[in-house]
Amino acid sequence: WMLEKFSEGYNDMYFVDDALGNVKAVKEVLDQLDVKSKV
């Protein structure tokens, strides 16, 4: 879903989740993109 938002032009992303696995999965994707991000 975050990758889809990137493809729509979003370039500053902040993701918070209570499940560590979700945080890690999103971080892996965002780390590969040219975006400002924090998880």
PDB file of all heavy atoms in Angstrom:
ATOM      1  N   TRP A   1       0.838  -1.192   0.000  1.00  0.00           N
ATOM      2  CA  TRP A   1       0.000   0.000   0.000  1.00  0.00           C
ATOM      3  C   TRP A   1       0.880   1.252   0.000  1.00  0.00           C
ATOM      4  O   TRP A   1       0.625   2.202  -0.727  1.00  0.00           O
ATOM      5  CB  TRP A   1      -0.935  -0.015   1.206  1.00  0.00           C
ATOM      6  CG  TRP A   1      -1.924   1.100   1.210  1.00  0.00           C
ATOM      7  CD1 TRP A   1      -3.166   1.098   0.631  1.00  0.00           C
ATOM      8  CD2 TRP A   1      -1.765   2.392   1.816  1.00  0.00           C
ATOM      9  NE1 TRP A   1      -3.784   2.313   0.849  1.00  0.00           N
ATOM     10  CE2 TRP A   1      -2.944   3.126   1.573  1.00  0.00           C
ATOM     11  CE3 TRP A   1      -0.756   2.994   2.545  1.00  0.00           C
ATOM     12  CZ2 TRP A   1      -3.134   4.430   2.022  1.00  0.00           C
ATOM     13  CZ3 TRP A   1      -0.930   4.293   2.995  1.00  0.00           C
ATOM     14  CH2 TRP A   1      -2.116   4.994   2.727  1.00  0.00           C
ATOM     15  N   MET A   2       1.927   1.222   0.813  1.00  0.00           N
ATOM     16  CA  MET A   2       2.859   2.354   0.861  1.00  0.00           C
ATOM     17  C   MET A   2       3.560   2.526  -0.492  1.00  0.00           C
ATOM     18  O   MET A   2       3.728   3.645  -0.971  1.00  0.00           O
ATOM     19  CB  MET A   2       3.895   2.152   1.971  1.00  0.00           C
ATOM     20  CG  MET A   2       3.320   2.107   3.372  1.00  0.00           C
ATOM     21  SD  MET A   2       2.651   3.675   3.948  1.00  0.00           S
ATOM     22  CE  MET A   2       4.144   4.555   4.367  1.00  0.00           C
ATOM     23  N   LEU A   3       3.924   1.431  -1.125  1.00  0.00           N
ATOM     24  CA  LEU A   3       4.551   1.483  -2.442  1.00  0.00           C
ATOM     25  C   LEU A   3       3.593   2.089  -3.467  1.00  0.00           C
ATOM     26  O   LEU A   3       4.003   2.889  -4.320  1.00  0.00           O
ATOM     27  CB  LEU A   3       4.981   0.075  -2.868  1.00  0.00           C
ATOM     28  CG  LEU A   3       5.764  -0.039  -4.165  1.00  0.00           C
ATOM     29  CD1 LEU A   3       7.033   0.788  -4.122  1.00  0.00           C
ATOM     30  CD2 LEU A   3       6.072  -1.506  -4.443  1.00  0.00           C
ATOM     31  N   GLU A   4       2.326   1.761  -3.362  1.00  0.00           N
ATOM     32  CA  GLU A   4       1.322   2.340  -4.264  1.00  0.00           C
ATOM     33  C   GLU A   4       1.250   3.855  -4.075  1.00  0.00           C
ATOM     34  O   GLU A   4       1.163   4.614  -5.043  1.00  0.00           O
ATOM     35  CB  GLU A   4      -0.044   1.702  -4.007  1.00  0.00           C
ATOM     36  CG  GLU A   4      -1.135   2.228  -4.922  1.00  0.00           C
ATOM     37  CD  GLU A   4      -2.480   1.587  -4.630  1.00  0.00           C
ATOM     38  OE1 GLU A   4      -2.527   0.377  -4.319  1.00  0.00           O
ATOM     39  OE2 GLU A   4      -3.483   2.316  -4.699  1.00  0.00           O
ATOM     40  N   LYS A   5       1.282   4.310  -2.826  1.00  0.00           N
ATOM     41  CA  LYS A   5       1.251   5.751  -2.562  1.00  0.00           C
ATOM     42  C   LYS A   5       2.488   6.433  -3.156  1.00  0.00           C
ATOM     43  O   LYS A   5       2.402   7.528  -3.705  1.00  0.00           O
ATOM     44  CB  LYS A   5       1.140   6.045  -1.063  1.00  0.00           C
ATOM     45  CG  LYS A   5      -0.207   5.675  -0.500  1.00  0.00           C
ATOM     46  CD  LYS A   5      -1.289   6.468  -1.192  1.00  0.00           C
ATOM     47  CE  LYS A   5      -2.666   5.969  -0.884  1.00  0.00           C
ATOM     48  NZ  LYS A   5      -3.658   6.431  -1.847  1.00  0.00           N
ATOM     49  N   PHE A   6       3.643   5.774  -3.069  1.00  0.00           N
ATOM     50  CA  PHE A   6       4.853   6.299  -3.695  1.00  0.00           C
ATOM     51  C   PHE A   6       4.643   6.455  -5.202  1.00  0.00           C
ATOM     52  O   PHE A   6       4.994   7.484  -5.785  1.00  0.00           O
ATOM     53  CB  PHE A   6       6.048   5.385  -3.405  1.00  0.00           C
ATOM     54  CG  PHE A   6       7.271   5.727  -4.202  1.00  0.00           C
ATOM     55  CD1 PHE A   6       8.043   6.826  -3.866  1.00  0.00           C
ATOM     56  CD2 PHE A   6       7.642   4.948  -5.283  1.00  0.00           C
ATOM     57  CE1 PHE A   6       9.181   7.153  -4.603  1.00  0.00           C
ATOM     58  CE2 PHE A   6       8.772   5.263  -6.029  1.00  0.00           C
ATOM     59  CZ  PHE A   6       9.538   6.365  -5.691  1.00  0.00           C
ATOM     60  N   SER A   7       4.039   5.449  -5.827  1.00  0.00           N
ATOM     61  CA  SER A   7       3.811   5.509  -7.277  1.00  0.00           C
ATOM     62  C   SER A   7       2.835   6.621  -7.659  1.00  0.00           C
ATOM     63  O   SER A   7       2.829   7.078  -8.801  1.00  0.00           O
ATOM     64  CB  SER A   7       3.317   4.155  -7.815  1.00  0.00           C
ATOM     65  OG  SER A   7       1.980   3.918  -7.435  1.00  0.00           O
ATOM     66  N   GLU A   8       2.025   7.068  -6.692  1.00  0.00           N
ATOM     67  CA  GLU A   8       1.097   8.175  -6.930  1.00  0.00           C
ATOM     68  C   GLU A   8       1.774   9.535  -6.709  1.00  0.00           C
ATOM     69  O   GLU A   8       1.146  10.571  -6.885  1.00  0.00           O
ATOM     70  CB  GLU A   8      -0.111   8.056  -5.999  1.00  0.00           C
ATOM     71  CG  GLU A   8      -0.997   6.858  -6.304  1.00  0.00           C
ATOM     72  CD  GLU A   8      -2.084   6.649  -5.268  1.00  0.00           C
ATOM     73  OE1 GLU A   8      -2.276   7.511  -4.373  1.00  0.00           O
ATOM     74  OE2 GLU A   8      -2.744   5.596  -5.328  1.00  0.00           O
ATOM     75  N   GLY A   9       3.035   9.528  -6.283  1.00  0.00           N
ATOM     76  CA  GLY A   9       3.780  10.770  -6.129  1.00  0.00           C
ATOM     77  C   GLY A   9       4.077  11.181  -4.707  1.00  0.00           C
ATOM     78  O   GLY A   9       4.734  12.208  -4.485  1.00  0.00           O
ATOM     79  N   TYR A  10       3.630  10.429  -3.724  1.00  0.00           N
ATOM     80  CA  TYR A  10       3.940  10.764  -2.337  1.00  0.00           C
ATOM     81  C   TYR A  10       5.431  10.538  -2.101  1.00  0.00           C
ATOM     82  O   TYR A  10       5.998   9.545  -2.554  1.00  0.00           O
ATOM     83  CB  TYR A  10       3.114   9.919  -1.367  1.00  0.00           C
ATOM     84  CG  TYR A  10       1.657  10.300  -1.374  1.00  0.00           C
ATOM     85  CD1 TYR A  10       0.766   9.715  -2.277  1.00  0.00           C
ATOM     86  CD2 TYR A  10       1.162  11.241  -0.488  1.00  0.00           C
ATOM     87  CE1 TYR A  10      -0.570  10.079  -2.298  1.00  0.00           C
ATOM     88  CE2 TYR A  10      -0.177  11.614  -0.501  1.00  0.00           C
ATOM     89  CZ  TYR A  10      -1.036  11.025  -1.411  1.00  0.00           C
ATOM     90  OH  TYR A  10      -2.349  11.390  -1.433  1.00  0.00           O
ATOM     91  N   ASN A  11       6.085  11.469  -1.391  1.00  0.00           N
ATOM     92  CA  ASN A  11       7.530  11.345  -1.193  1.00  0.00           C
ATOM     93  C   ASN A  11       7.986  11.669   0.228  1.00  0.00           C
ATOM     94  O   ASN A  11       9.165  11.825   0.480  1.00  0.00           O
ATOM     95  CB  ASN A  11       8.286  12.219  -2.195  1.00  0.00           C
ATOM     96  CG  ASN A  11       7.978  13.688  -2.006  1.00  0.00           C
ATOM     97  OD1 ASN A  11       7.258  14.075  -1.096  1.00  0.00           O
ATOM     98  ND2 ASN A  11       8.526  14.507  -2.887  1.00  0.00           N
ATOM     99  N   ASP A  12       7.053  11.779   1.159  1.00  0.00           N
ATOM    100  CA  ASP A  12       7.374  12.016   2.565  1.00  0.00           C
ATOM    101  C   ASP A  12       6.418  11.136   3.371  1.00  0.00           C
ATOM    102  O   ASP A  12       5.238  11.464   3.498  1.00  0.00           O
ATOM    103  CB  ASP A  12       7.200  13.499   2.903  1.00  0.00           C
ATOM    104  CG  ASP A  12       7.719  13.847   4.294  1.00  0.00           C
ATOM    105  OD1 ASP A  12       8.103  12.933   5.051  1.00  0.00           O
ATOM    106  OD2 ASP A  12       7.719  15.044   4.619  1.00  0.00           O
ATOM    107  N   MET A  13       6.903  10.022   3.873  1.00  0.00           N
ATOM    108  CA  MET A  13       6.034   9.010   4.464  1.00  0.00           C
ATOM    109  C   MET A  13       6.421   8.714   5.906  1.00  0.00           C
ATOM    110  O   MET A  13       7.601   8.613   6.236  1.00  0.00           O
ATOM    111  CB  MET A  13       6.090   7.734   3.637  1.00  0.00           C
ATOM    112  CG  MET A  13       5.672   7.933   2.206  1.00  0.00           C
ATOM    113  SD  MET A  13       5.862   6.420   1.282  1.00  0.00           S
ATOM    114  CE  MET A  13       4.705   6.696  -0.022  1.00  0.00           C
ATOM    115  N   TYR A  14       5.398   8.573   6.726  1.00  0.00           N
ATOM    116  CA  TYR A  14       5.576   8.238   8.142  1.00  0.00           C
ATOM    117  C   TYR A  14       4.628   7.090   8.436  1.00  0.00           C
ATOM    118  O   TYR A  14       3.423   7.191   8.188  1.00  0.00           O
ATOM    119  CB  TYR A  14       5.252   9.465   8.992  1.00  0.00           C
ATOM    120  CG  TYR A  14       5.392   9.264  10.478  1.00  0.00           C
ATOM    121  CD1 TYR A  14       6.572   8.804  11.039  1.00  0.00           C
ATOM    122  CD2 TYR A  14       4.342   9.557  11.331  1.00  0.00           C
ATOM    123  CE1 TYR A  14       6.708   8.641  12.401  1.00  0.00           C
ATOM    124  CE2 TYR A  14       4.465   9.391  12.705  1.00  0.00           C
ATOM    125  CZ  TYR A  14       5.651   8.935  13.229  1.00  0.00           C
ATOM    126  OH  TYR A  14       5.773   8.767  14.579  1.00  0.00           O
ATOM    127  N   PHE A  15       5.153   5.982   8.936  1.00  0.00           N
ATOM    128  CA  PHE A  15       4.355   4.780   9.177  1.00  0.00           C
ATOM    129  C   PHE A  15       4.526   4.342  10.621  1.00  0.00           C
ATOM    130  O   PHE A  15       5.650   4.201  11.108  1.00  0.00           O
ATOM    131  CB  PHE A  15       4.809   3.655   8.237  1.00  0.00           C
ATOM    132  CG  PHE A  15       4.052   2.368   8.424  1.00  0.00           C
ATOM    133  CD1 PHE A  15       2.813   2.184   7.845  1.00  0.00           C
ATOM    134  CD2 PHE A  15       4.584   1.343   9.185  1.00  0.00           C
ATOM    135  CE1 PHE A  15       2.108   1.005   8.017  1.00  0.00           C
ATOM    136  CE2 PHE A  15       3.894   0.153   9.367  1.00  0.00           C
ATOM    137  CZ  PHE A  15       2.652  -0.013   8.783  1.00  0.00           C
ATOM    138  N   VAL A  16       3.407   4.118  11.300  1.00  0.00           N
ATOM    139  CA  VAL A  16       3.413   3.641  12.683  1.00  0.00           C
ATOM    140  C   VAL A  16       2.493   2.437  12.764  1.00  0.00           C
ATOM    141  O   VAL A  16       1.388   2.452  12.217  1.00  0.00           O
ATOM    142  CB  VAL A  16       2.908   4.733  13.655  1.00  0.00           C
ATOM    143  CG1 VAL A  16       2.875   4.211  15.076  1.00  0.00           C
ATOM    144  CG2 VAL A  16       3.754   5.982  13.547  1.00  0.00           C
ATOM    145  N   ASP A  17       2.939   1.399  13.430  1.00  0.00           N
ATOM    146  CA  ASP A  17       2.123   0.195  13.600  1.00  0.00           C
ATOM    147  C   ASP A  17       2.518  -0.444  14.918  1.00  0.00           C
ATOM    148  O   ASP A  17       3.662  -0.295  15.377  1.00  0.00           O
ATOM    149  CB  ASP A  17       2.377  -0.774  12.438  1.00  0.00           C
ATOM    150  CG  ASP A  17       1.284  -1.804  12.267  1.00  0.00           C
ATOM    151  OD1 ASP A  17       1.123  -2.650  13.179  1.00  0.00           O
ATOM    152  OD2 ASP A  17       0.586  -1.784  11.246  1.00  0.00           O
ATOM    153  N   ASP A  18       1.589  -1.159  15.530  1.00  0.00           N
ATOM    154  CA  ASP A  18       1.926  -1.830  16.788  1.00  0.00           C
ATOM    155  C   ASP A  18       2.621  -3.169  16.573  1.00  0.00           C
ATOM    156  O   ASP A  18       3.237  -3.694  17.480  1.00  0.00           O
ATOM    157  CB  ASP A  18       0.690  -1.989  17.678  1.00  0.00           C
ATOM    158  CG  ASP A  18      -0.407  -2.822  17.047  1.00  0.00           C
ATOM    159  OD1 ASP A  18      -0.393  -3.013  15.812  1.00  0.00           O
ATOM    160  OD2 ASP A  18      -1.298  -3.269  17.786  1.00  0.00           O
ATOM    161  N   ALA A  19       2.561  -3.708  15.357  1.00  0.00           N
ATOM    162  CA  ALA A  19       3.192  -4.997  15.060  1.00  0.00           C
ATOM    163  C   ALA A  19       4.582  -4.767  14.461  1.00  0.00           C
ATOM    164  O   ALA A  19       4.713  -4.158  13.387  1.00  0.00           O
ATOM    165  CB  ALA A  19       2.331  -5.804  14.103  1.00  0.00           C
ATOM    166  N   LEU A  20       5.590  -5.228  15.141  1.00  0.00           N
ATOM    167  CA  LEU A  20       6.963  -5.019  14.704  1.00  0.00           C
ATOM    168  C   LEU A  20       7.203  -5.589  13.302  1.00  0.00           C
ATOM    169  O   LEU A  20       7.918  -4.983  12.499  1.00  0.00           O
ATOM    170  CB  LEU A  20       7.951  -5.625  15.708  1.00  0.00           C
ATOM    171  CG  LEU A  20       9.429  -5.385  15.423  1.00  0.00           C
ATOM    172  CD1 LEU A  20       9.736  -3.887  15.336  1.00  0.00           C
ATOM    173  CD2 LEU A  20      10.284  -6.058  16.482  1.00  0.00           C
ATOM    174  N   GLY A  21       6.590  -6.716  12.983  1.00  0.00           N
ATOM    175  CA  GLY A  21       6.747  -7.301  11.649  1.00  0.00           C
ATOM    176  C   GLY A  21       6.258  -6.374  10.550  1.00  0.00           C
ATOM    177  O   GLY A  21       6.872  -6.285   9.481  1.00  0.00           O
ATOM    178  N   ASN A  22       5.164  -5.672  10.812  1.00  0.00           N
ATOM    179  CA  ASN A  22       4.640  -4.716   9.829  1.00  0.00           C
ATOM    180  C   ASN A  22       5.586  -3.535   9.671  1.00  0.00           C
ATOM    181  O   ASN A  22       5.823  -3.062   8.564  1.00  0.00           O
ATOM    182  CB  ASN A  22       3.255  -4.226  10.238  1.00  0.00           C
ATOM    183  CG  ASN A  22       2.210  -5.312  10.182  1.00  0.00           C
ATOM    184  OD1 ASN A  22       2.407  -6.371   9.599  1.00  0.00           O
ATOM    185  ND2 ASN A  22       1.083  -5.062  10.810  1.00  0.00           N
ATOM    186  N   VAL A  23       6.128  -3.059  10.785  1.00  0.00           N
ATOM    187  CA  VAL A  23       7.070  -1.941  10.754  1.00  0.00           C
ATOM    188  C   VAL A  23       8.304  -2.332   9.935  1.00  0.00           C
ATOM    189  O   VAL A  23       8.758  -1.566   9.074  1.00  0.00           O
ATOM    190  CB  VAL A  23       7.462  -1.512  12.185  1.00  0.00           C
ATOM    191  CG1 VAL A  23       8.579  -0.488  12.174  1.00  0.00           C
ATOM    192  CG2 VAL A  23       6.247  -0.967  12.916  1.00  0.00           C
ATOM    193  N   LYS A  24       8.828  -3.522  10.175  1.00  0.00           N
ATOM    194  CA  LYS A  24      10.016  -3.980   9.440  1.00  0.00           C
ATOM    195  C   LYS A  24       9.731  -4.130   7.952  1.00  0.00           C
ATOM    196  O   LYS A  24      10.556  -3.750   7.110  1.00  0.00           O
ATOM    197  CB  LYS A  24      10.521  -5.302  10.026  1.00  0.00           C
ATOM    198  CG  LYS A  24      11.175  -5.143  11.382  1.00  0.00           C
ATOM    199  CD  LYS A  24      11.664  -6.476  11.914  1.00  0.00           C
ATOM    200  CE  LYS A  24      12.380  -6.311  13.236  1.00  0.00           C
ATOM    201  NZ  LYS A  24      12.864  -7.597  13.768  1.00  0.00           N
ATOM    202  N   ALA A  25       8.571  -4.686   7.598  1.00  0.00           N
ATOM    203  CA  ALA A  25       8.228  -4.884   6.185  1.00  0.00           C
ATOM    204  C   ALA A  25       8.107  -3.548   5.456  1.00  0.00           C
ATOM    205  O   ALA A  25       8.607  -3.395   4.338  1.00  0.00           O
ATOM    206  CB  ALA A  25       6.931  -5.678   6.063  1.00  0.00           C
ATOM    207  N   VAL A  26       7.465  -2.589   6.081  1.00  0.00           N
ATOM    208  CA  VAL A  26       7.313  -1.269   5.460  1.00  0.00           C
ATOM    209  C   VAL A  26       8.668  -0.577   5.366  1.00  0.00           C
ATOM    210  O   VAL A  26       9.002   0.021   4.340  1.00  0.00           O
ATOM    211  CB  VAL A  26       6.276  -0.415   6.218  1.00  0.00           C
ATOM    212  CG1 VAL A  26       6.314   1.029   5.746  1.00  0.00           C
ATOM    213  CG2 VAL A  26       4.884  -0.994   6.044  1.00  0.00           C
ATOM    214  N   LYS A  27       9.486  -0.685   6.402  1.00  0.00           N
ATOM    215  CA  LYS A  27      10.813  -0.068   6.375  1.00  0.00           C
ATOM    216  C   LYS A  27      11.657  -0.622   5.233  1.00  0.00           C
ATOM    217  O   LYS A  27      12.338   0.127   4.535  1.00  0.00           O
ATOM    218  CB  LYS A  27      11.531  -0.260   7.708  1.00  0.00           C
ATOM    219  CG  LYS A  27      12.908   0.411   7.734  1.00  0.00           C
ATOM    220  CD  LYS A  27      13.505   0.413   9.110  1.00  0.00           C
ATOM    221  CE  LYS A  27      14.883   1.017   9.196  1.00  0.00           C
ATOM    222  NZ  LYS A  27      15.326   1.924   8.192  1.00  0.00           N
ATOM    223  N   GLU A  28      11.595  -1.931   5.019  1.00  0.00           N
ATOM    224  CA  GLU A  28      12.363  -2.546   3.926  1.00  0.00           C
ATOM    225  C   GLU A  28      11.991  -1.939   2.585  1.00  0.00           C
ATOM    226  O   GLU A  28      12.855  -1.673   1.752  1.00  0.00           O
ATOM    227  CB  GLU A  28      12.132  -4.062   3.894  1.00  0.00           C
ATOM    228  CG  GLU A  28      12.915  -4.823   4.921  1.00  0.00           C
ATOM    229  CD  GLU A  28      12.709  -6.316   4.806  1.00  0.00           C
ATOM    230  OE1 GLU A  28      12.374  -6.814   3.700  1.00  0.00           O
ATOM    231  OE2 GLU A  28      12.880  -7.003   5.828  1.00  0.00           O
ATOM    232  N   VAL A  29      10.700  -1.733   2.359  1.00  0.00           N
ATOM    233  CA  VAL A  29      10.245  -1.155   1.091  1.00  0.00           C
ATOM    234  C   VAL A  29      10.644   0.308   0.994  1.00  0.00           C
ATOM    235  O   VAL A  29      11.192   0.754  -0.020  1.00  0.00           O
ATOM    236  CB  VAL A  29       8.716  -1.331   0.916  1.00  0.00           C
ATOM    237  CG1 VAL A  29       8.177  -0.489  -0.220  1.00  0.00           C
ATOM    238  CG2 VAL A  29       8.382  -2.793   0.677  1.00  0.00           C
ATOM    239  N   LEU A  30      10.387   1.081   2.043  1.00  0.00           N
ATOM    240  CA  LEU A  30      10.679   2.506   1.993  1.00  0.00           C
ATOM    241  C   LEU A  30      12.172   2.788   1.864  1.00  0.00           C
ATOM    242  O   LEU A  30      12.567   3.769   1.231  1.00  0.00           O
ATOM    243  CB  LEU A  30      10.096   3.207   3.221  1.00  0.00           C
ATOM    244  CG  LEU A  30       8.573   3.231   3.310  1.00  0.00           C
ATOM    245  CD1 LEU A  30       8.129   3.937   4.594  1.00  0.00           C
ATOM    246  CD2 LEU A  30       7.942   3.881   2.091  1.00  0.00           C
ATOM    247  N   ASP A  31      13.000   1.930   2.447  1.00  0.00           N
ATOM    248  CA  ASP A  31      14.448   2.116   2.352  1.00  0.00           C
ATOM    249  C   ASP A  31      14.949   1.990   0.909  1.00  0.00           C
ATOM    250  O   ASP A  31      16.031   2.469   0.581  1.00  0.00           O
ATOM    251  CB  ASP A  31      15.192   1.115   3.242  1.00  0.00           C
ATOM    252  CG  ASP A  31      15.175   1.502   4.713  1.00  0.00           C
ATOM    253  OD1 ASP A  31      14.747   2.641   5.039  1.00  0.00           O
ATOM    254  OD2 ASP A  31      15.569   0.653   5.539  1.00  0.00           O
ATOM    255  N   GLN A  32      14.182   1.356   0.054  1.00  0.00           N
ATOM    256  CA  GLN A  32      14.576   1.165  -1.344  1.00  0.00           C
ATOM    257  C   GLN A  32      14.095   2.300  -2.247  1.00  0.00           C
ATOM    258  O   GLN A  32      14.442   2.337  -3.424  1.00  0.00           O
ATOM    259  CB  GLN A  32      14.024  -0.164  -1.860  1.00  0.00           C
ATOM    260  CG  GLN A  32      14.577  -1.359  -1.122  1.00  0.00           C
ATOM    261  CD  GLN A  32      13.961  -2.651  -1.582  1.00  0.00           C
ATOM    262  OE1 GLN A  32      13.768  -2.866  -2.759  1.00  0.00           O
ATOM    263  NE2 GLN A  32      13.634  -3.513  -0.638  1.00  0.00           N
ATOM    264  N   LEU A  33      13.302   3.210  -1.697  1.00  0.00           N
ATOM    265  CA  LEU A  33      12.719   4.280  -2.495  1.00  0.00           C
ATOM    266  C   LEU A  33      13.411   5.608  -2.209  1.00  0.00           C
ATOM    267  O   LEU A  33      13.979   5.795  -1.135  1.00  0.00           O
ATOM    268  CB  LEU A  33      11.225   4.405  -2.182  1.00  0.00           C
ATOM    269  CG  LEU A  33      10.384   3.138  -2.361  1.00  0.00           C
ATOM    270  CD1 LEU A  33       8.966   3.396  -1.891  1.00  0.00           C
ATOM    271  CD2 LEU A  33      10.418   2.667  -3.803  1.00  0.00           C
ATOM    272  N   ASP A  34      13.325   6.505  -3.146  1.00  0.00           N
ATOM    273  CA  ASP A  34      13.880   7.844  -2.972  1.00  0.00           C
ATOM    274  C   ASP A  34      12.817   8.733  -2.333  1.00  0.00           C
ATOM    275  O   ASP A  34      12.199   9.569  -3.000  1.00  0.00           O
ATOM    276  CB  ASP A  34      14.315   8.405  -4.331  1.00  0.00           C
ATOM    277  CG  ASP A  34      15.011   9.744  -4.205  1.00  0.00           C
ATOM    278  OD1 ASP A  34      15.517  10.052  -3.108  1.00  0.00           O
ATOM    279  OD2 ASP A  34      15.023  10.481  -5.204  1.00  0.00           O
ATOM    280  N   VAL A  35      12.569   8.491  -1.041  1.00  0.00           N
ATOM    281  CA  VAL A  35      11.562   9.248  -0.301  1.00  0.00           C
ATOM    282  C   VAL A  35      12.107   9.576   1.085  1.00  0.00           C
ATOM    283  O   VAL A  35      12.981   8.889   1.615  1.00  0.00           O
ATOM    284  CB  VAL A  35      10.230   8.470  -0.122  1.00  0.00           C
ATOM    285  CG1 VAL A  35       9.561   8.206  -1.445  1.00  0.00           C
ATOM    286  CG2 VAL A  35      10.421   7.185   0.655  1.00  0.00           C
ATOM    287  N   LYS A  36      11.555  10.626   1.648  1.00  0.00           N
ATOM    288  CA  LYS A  36      11.803  10.914   3.055  1.00  0.00           C
ATOM    289  C   LYS A  36      10.835  10.020   3.819  1.00  0.00           C
ATOM    290  O   LYS A  36       9.637  10.006   3.525  1.00  0.00           O
ATOM    291  CB  LYS A  36      11.521  12.383   3.341  1.00  0.00           C
ATOM    292  CG  LYS A  36      11.739  12.778   4.773  1.00  0.00           C
ATOM    293  CD  LYS A  36      11.431  14.249   4.988  1.00  0.00           C
ATOM    294  CE  LYS A  36      11.562  14.584   6.453  1.00  0.00           C
ATOM    295  NZ  LYS A  36      11.139  15.980   6.707  1.00  0.00           N
ATOM    296  N   SER A  37      11.343   9.252   4.783  1.00  0.00           N
ATOM    297  CA  SER A  37      10.443   8.342   5.491  1.00  0.00           C
ATOM    298  C   SER A  37      10.918   8.074   6.904  1.00  0.00           C
ATOM    299  O   SER A  37      12.107   8.217   7.216  1.00  0.00           O
ATOM    300  CB  SER A  37      10.313   7.019   4.739  1.00  0.00           C
ATOM    301  OG  SER A  37      11.555   6.325   4.718  1.00  0.00           O
ATOM    302  N   LYS A  38       9.964   7.705   7.711  1.00  0.00           N
ATOM    303  CA  LYS A  38      10.243   7.292   9.081  1.00  0.00           C
ATOM    304  C   LYS A  38       9.222   6.214   9.427  1.00  0.00           C
ATOM    305  O   LYS A  38       8.041   6.326   9.086  1.00  0.00           O
ATOM    306  CB  LYS A  38      10.107   8.468  10.040  1.00  0.00           C
ATOM    307  CG  LYS A  38      10.403   8.070  11.493  1.00  0.00           C
ATOM    308  CD  LYS A  38      10.354   9.245  12.437  1.00  0.00           C
ATOM    309  CE  LYS A  38      10.667   8.756  13.847  1.00  0.00           C
ATOM    310  NZ  LYS A  38      10.630   9.841  14.806  1.00  0.00           N
ATOM    311  N   VAL A  39       9.674   5.176  10.074  1.00  0.00           N
ATOM    312  CA  VAL A  39       8.781   4.132  10.555  1.00  0.00           C
ATOM    313  C   VAL A  39       9.072   3.921  12.032  1.00  0.00           C
ATOM    314  O   VAL A  39      10.214   4.090  12.481  1.00  0.00           O
ATOM    315  CB  VAL A  39       8.931   2.799   9.770  1.00  0.00           C
ATOM    316  CG1 VAL A  39       8.597   2.985   8.302  1.00  0.00           C
ATOM    317  CG2 VAL A  39      10.312   2.220   9.925  1.00  0.00           C
TER     318      VAL A  39
END
